[in-house]
Amino acid sequence: MIARWLALIVLIAAIAVLSVLYARPLLGLPAATPTAARSLPAATSAAAPSSTFILRPTPTPSASAAPARTPSRSATTSCPPVPAGGRQGAFHPLADVRVAHQPDFDRVVLDFGQEASAQDDVPAFRIERGSTFTAVSGQPVAVQGSAFWSVRTEGASQADRQGTVVYKGSRDIVPTTPLVRNVKLVEDFEAVMVWAIGLAQLECPRVSTLRSPLRLVIDFPAPP
């Protein structure tokens, strides 16, 4: 009996709820909507703070920050006289003429072969600035370059004392060195030889002599 009453009560309650739900639209009332659950803010952890990244443009180096350049060497306008050297009265046929570039200088070598004794030396020489060159015949000799040096030897020739030609190299050398543009034979007459050296610009020579074989060495400062 009690169970029937409970079932009847539940049925009446359900009918009442349904009546309210369906009766609201008929009465012009808005339909009931369930209340939205409020979202609670997520708990933040103090141990893991958020990171903020700021992008900044890479600074452009200013002109003042640029590395200082090594100032270039000023142009040579004059050179001191080159002392004469060699041995007066000696005679040596020219064996070879070489031009090469070494670190920081160009080198011109006049090779006179092996010395005859410990007292022997390269033939007497004189090295001077030049501007124009003239052969024994009186004809001008053109030399490539913008600045010139004359190398005059006394007691030397392309041939030995018997007239046999010893030097068989070029008489007009055009090397690929940075400074030396041309090494050219101007004169070879009665044991006097004149070689012209043409440079891209004026530089002062450093002259030395070497032995075994006897060599006249002329160095000009040049880029590495």
Protein backbone atom coordinates (compact mmCIF):
# COMPACT_ATOMS: atom_id res chain seq x y z
CA MET A 1 0.00 0.00 0.00
CA ILE A 2 2.78 2.43 0.93
CA ALA A 3 4.64 1.57 -2.26
CA ARG A 4 1.58 2.53 -4.30
CA TRP A 5 1.38 5.89 -2.56
CA LEU A 6 5.05 6.59 -3.20
CA ALA A 7 4.69 5.70 -6.86
CA LEU A 8 1.65 7.98 -7.10
CA ILE A 9 3.54 10.85 -5.50
CA VAL A 10 6.48 10.45 -7.90
CA LEU A 11 4.06 10.37 -10.86
CA ILE A 12 2.28 13.52 -9.68
CA ALA A 13 5.66 15.32 -9.25
CA ALA A 14 6.78 14.33 -12.73
CA ILE A 15 3.50 15.56 -14.21
CA ALA A 16 3.91 18.87 -12.36
CA VAL A 17 7.45 19.36 -13.69
CA LEU A 18 6.40 18.56 -17.24
CA SER A 19 3.44 20.90 -16.96
CA VAL A 20 5.72 23.78 -15.92
CA LEU A 21 8.20 23.12 -18.73
CA TYR A 22 5.56 22.94 -21.43
CA ALA A 23 3.33 25.63 -19.99
CA ARG A 24 6.05 28.42 -20.03
CA PRO A 25 6.22 28.76 -23.81
CA LEU A 26 2.41 28.75 -23.99
CA LEU A 27 2.30 31.61 -21.47
CA GLY A 28 4.97 33.62 -23.37
CA LEU A 29 7.64 33.04 -20.78
CA PRO A 30 11.25 32.20 -21.80
CA ALA A 31 12.18 28.64 -21.55
CA ALA A 32 14.15 27.69 -18.51
CA THR A 33 17.83 27.17 -19.17
CA PRO A 34 20.20 25.49 -16.88
CA THR A 35 22.55 27.82 -15.07
CA ALA A 36 26.01 27.70 -16.62
CA ALA A 37 28.66 26.58 -14.33
CA ARG A 38 31.12 29.32 -13.54
CA SER A 39 34.61 28.53 -14.60
CA LEU A 40 37.14 29.07 -11.94
CA PRO A 41 40.50 30.65 -12.91
CA ALA A 42 43.19 28.11 -13.26
CA ALA A 43 45.55 28.11 -10.40
CA THR A 44 48.88 29.54 -11.36
CA SER A 45 52.01 27.96 -10.13
CA ALA A 46 54.52 30.30 -8.56
CA ALA A 47 57.25 27.83 -9.42
CA ALA A 48 56.73 28.15 -13.22
CA PRO A 49 56.29 31.83 -14.20
CA SER A 50 55.62 32.60 -17.83
CA SER A 51 58.58 33.92 -19.88
CA THR A 52 58.40 37.05 -21.99
CA PHE A 53 60.73 37.41 -25.01
CA ILE A 54 61.48 40.81 -26.52
CA LEU A 55 62.99 40.84 -30.02
CA ARG A 56 65.38 43.67 -30.55
CA PRO A 57 67.05 44.49 -33.89
CA THR A 58 70.71 43.59 -34.20
CA PRO A 59 72.67 46.83 -33.86
CA THR A 60 74.42 47.96 -37.00
CA PRO A 61 78.10 48.68 -36.30
CA SER A 62 78.81 52.34 -36.64
CA ALA A 63 81.64 53.78 -38.64
CA SER A 64 83.54 54.47 -35.44
CA ALA A 65 83.35 50.79 -34.49
CA ALA A 66 84.89 49.62 -37.78
CA PRO A 67 88.43 48.25 -37.44
CA ALA A 68 91.07 50.77 -38.25
CA ARG A 69 92.82 50.21 -41.56
CA THR A 70 96.54 50.22 -41.77
CA PRO A 71 97.47 53.40 -43.61
CA SER A 72 99.05 52.80 -46.98
CA ARG A 73 102.66 53.77 -47.45
CA SER A 74 103.09 57.19 -49.04
CA ALA A 75 104.43 57.34 -52.57
CA THR A 76 108.19 57.56 -53.01
CA THR A 77 109.27 60.83 -54.62
CA SER A 78 113.06 60.60 -54.38
CA CYS A 79 115.83 58.12 -53.56
CA PRO A 80 119.32 58.57 -52.14
CA PRO A 81 122.29 57.82 -54.42
CA VAL A 82 123.25 54.16 -54.66
CA PRO A 83 126.95 53.62 -53.83
CA ALA A 84 129.01 52.13 -56.65
CA GLY A 85 130.44 48.69 -56.05
CA GLY A 86 132.11 45.68 -57.58
CA ARG A 87 135.74 45.10 -58.55
CA GLN A 88 137.49 47.35 -61.01
CA GLY A 89 139.45 45.51 -63.68
CA ALA A 90 137.58 42.26 -63.27
CA PHE A 91 135.87 40.65 -66.23
CA HIS A 92 132.99 38.21 -66.10
CA PRO A 93 130.58 37.14 -68.80
CA LEU A 94 126.95 37.44 -67.88
CA ALA A 95 125.53 34.00 -67.12
CA ASP A 96 121.90 34.77 -66.30
CA VAL A 97 119.34 37.49 -65.51
CA ARG A 98 116.45 36.62 -63.22
CA VAL A 99 113.41 38.49 -61.95
CA ALA A 100 111.20 37.13 -59.17
CA HIS A 101 108.84 38.24 -56.45
CA GLN A 102 109.67 37.57 -52.80
CA PRO A 103 107.55 38.49 -49.76
CA ASP A 104 107.49 42.31 -49.68
CA PHE A 105 109.90 42.90 -52.58
CA ASP A 106 110.70 42.25 -56.24
CA ARG A 107 114.22 41.02 -56.97
CA VAL A 108 116.40 41.47 -60.06
CA VAL A 109 119.56 39.33 -60.21
CA LEU A 110 122.50 39.61 -62.59
CA ASP A 111 124.42 36.34 -62.36
CA PHE A 112 128.13 36.42 -63.40
CA GLY A 113 129.01 32.80 -62.72
CA GLN A 114 131.56 31.30 -60.40
CA GLU A 115 134.36 33.43 -58.97
CA ALA A 116 137.96 32.60 -59.88
CA SER A 117 139.41 33.20 -56.40
CA ALA A 118 138.60 34.47 -52.93
CA GLN A 119 139.54 38.01 -54.05
CA ASP A 120 137.28 37.87 -57.08
CA ASP A 121 134.08 39.90 -57.11
CA VAL A 122 131.29 41.02 -59.40
CA PRO A 123 132.30 43.50 -62.12
CA ALA A 124 132.29 47.19 -61.20
CA PHE A 125 128.73 48.52 -61.26
CA ARG A 126 126.83 51.77 -60.95
CA ILE A 127 123.06 51.99 -60.40
CA GLU A 128 121.30 55.29 -61.08
CA ARG A 129 117.88 56.76 -61.79
CA GLY A 130 116.99 56.85 -65.47
CA SER A 131 114.43 58.59 -67.64
CA THR A 132 115.31 57.76 -71.24
CA PHE A 133 117.66 55.17 -72.69
CA THR A 134 119.73 55.29 -75.86
CA ALA A 135 121.59 52.44 -77.54
CA VAL A 136 125.18 52.75 -78.81
CA SER A 137 123.74 53.31 -82.26
CA GLY A 138 121.96 56.42 -81.01
CA GLN A 139 118.53 54.85 -81.29
CA PRO A 140 116.16 55.32 -78.32
CA VAL A 141 115.30 52.20 -76.38
CA ALA A 142 111.72 52.01 -75.11
CA VAL A 143 111.29 50.49 -71.65
CA GLN A 144 107.97 49.67 -70.03
CA GLY A 145 107.16 51.31 -66.72
CA SER A 146 106.59 54.64 -64.98
CA ALA A 147 109.93 54.90 -63.13
CA PHE A 148 113.32 53.67 -64.31
CA TRP A 149 116.73 52.60 -63.06
CA SER A 150 119.93 52.10 -65.05
CA VAL A 151 122.33 49.27 -64.13
CA ARG A 152 125.75 49.83 -65.72
CA THR A 153 128.51 47.24 -65.40
CA GLU A 154 132.13 47.63 -66.54
CA GLY A 155 134.05 44.42 -67.24
CA ALA A 156 131.04 42.36 -68.24
CA SER A 157 129.44 41.20 -71.45
CA GLN A 158 127.08 38.61 -72.82
CA ALA A 159 130.15 36.87 -74.33
CA ASP A 160 133.41 35.70 -72.82
CA ARG A 161 136.85 37.02 -73.81
CA GLN A 162 136.96 34.66 -76.78
CA GLY A 163 133.68 36.06 -78.11
CA THR A 164 131.58 33.03 -77.25
CA VAL A 165 128.11 34.05 -76.20
CA VAL A 166 127.47 32.87 -72.66
CA TYR A 167 124.21 34.63 -71.84
CA LYS A 168 121.43 33.13 -73.95
CA GLY A 169 118.45 34.42 -72.01
CA SER A 170 115.97 37.11 -72.94
CA ARG A 171 117.23 40.66 -73.53
CA ASP A 172 113.76 42.07 -73.00
CA ILE A 173 112.25 40.49 -69.87
CA VAL A 174 108.60 41.30 -69.08
CA PRO A 175 107.84 39.58 -65.75
CA THR A 176 104.53 39.27 -63.92
CA THR A 177 105.92 40.72 -60.68
CA PRO A 178 103.89 43.42 -58.86
CA LEU A 179 106.44 46.23 -59.28
CA VAL A 180 109.05 45.34 -61.89
CA ARG A 181 107.52 45.74 -65.34
CA ASN A 182 110.51 45.37 -67.63
CA VAL A 183 114.22 44.47 -67.54
CA LYS A 184 115.82 45.28 -70.87
CA LEU A 185 119.34 45.29 -72.33
CA VAL A 186 120.22 48.77 -73.63
CA GLU A 187 123.92 48.43 -74.39
CA ASP A 188 126.65 45.79 -74.62
CA PHE A 189 129.79 47.33 -76.11
CA GLU A 190 133.48 46.96 -75.25
CA ALA A 191 132.82 45.14 -71.97
CA VAL A 192 130.30 47.75 -70.84
CA MET A 193 126.72 46.61 -70.33
CA VAL A 194 123.69 48.73 -69.48
CA TRP A 195 120.43 47.15 -68.37
CA ALA A 196 117.27 49.23 -67.83
CA ILE A 197 114.76 48.36 -65.12
CA GLY A 198 111.23 49.72 -65.53
CA LEU A 199 108.97 49.90 -62.46
CA ALA A 200 105.25 50.47 -62.06
CA GLN A 201 106.12 53.32 -59.66
CA LEU A 202 109.23 54.77 -58.13
CA GLU A 203 110.81 52.68 -55.38
CA CYS A 204 114.34 52.85 -54.00
CA PRO A 205 116.57 49.80 -54.54
CA ARG A 206 118.47 47.84 -51.93
CA VAL A 207 121.65 46.53 -53.56
CA SER A 208 123.81 43.62 -52.41
CA THR A 209 126.31 41.17 -53.87
CA LEU A 210 126.51 37.43 -53.32
CA ARG A 211 129.12 34.79 -54.02
CA SER A 212 129.22 31.28 -55.45
CA PRO A 213 128.06 32.24 -57.99
CA LEU A 214 128.84 35.96 -58.18
CA ARG A 215 125.56 37.87 -58.22
CA LEU A 216 124.48 41.49 -58.26
CA VAL A 217 121.14 41.59 -56.42
CA ILE A 218 118.73 44.52 -56.63
CA ASP A 219 115.62 44.47 -54.44
CA PHE A 220 112.67 46.86 -54.74
CA PRO A 221 109.91 47.09 -52.09
CA ALA A 222 106.68 45.62 -53.46
CA PRO A 223 103.32 44.44 -52.11
CA PRO A 224 103.25 40.93 -50.59
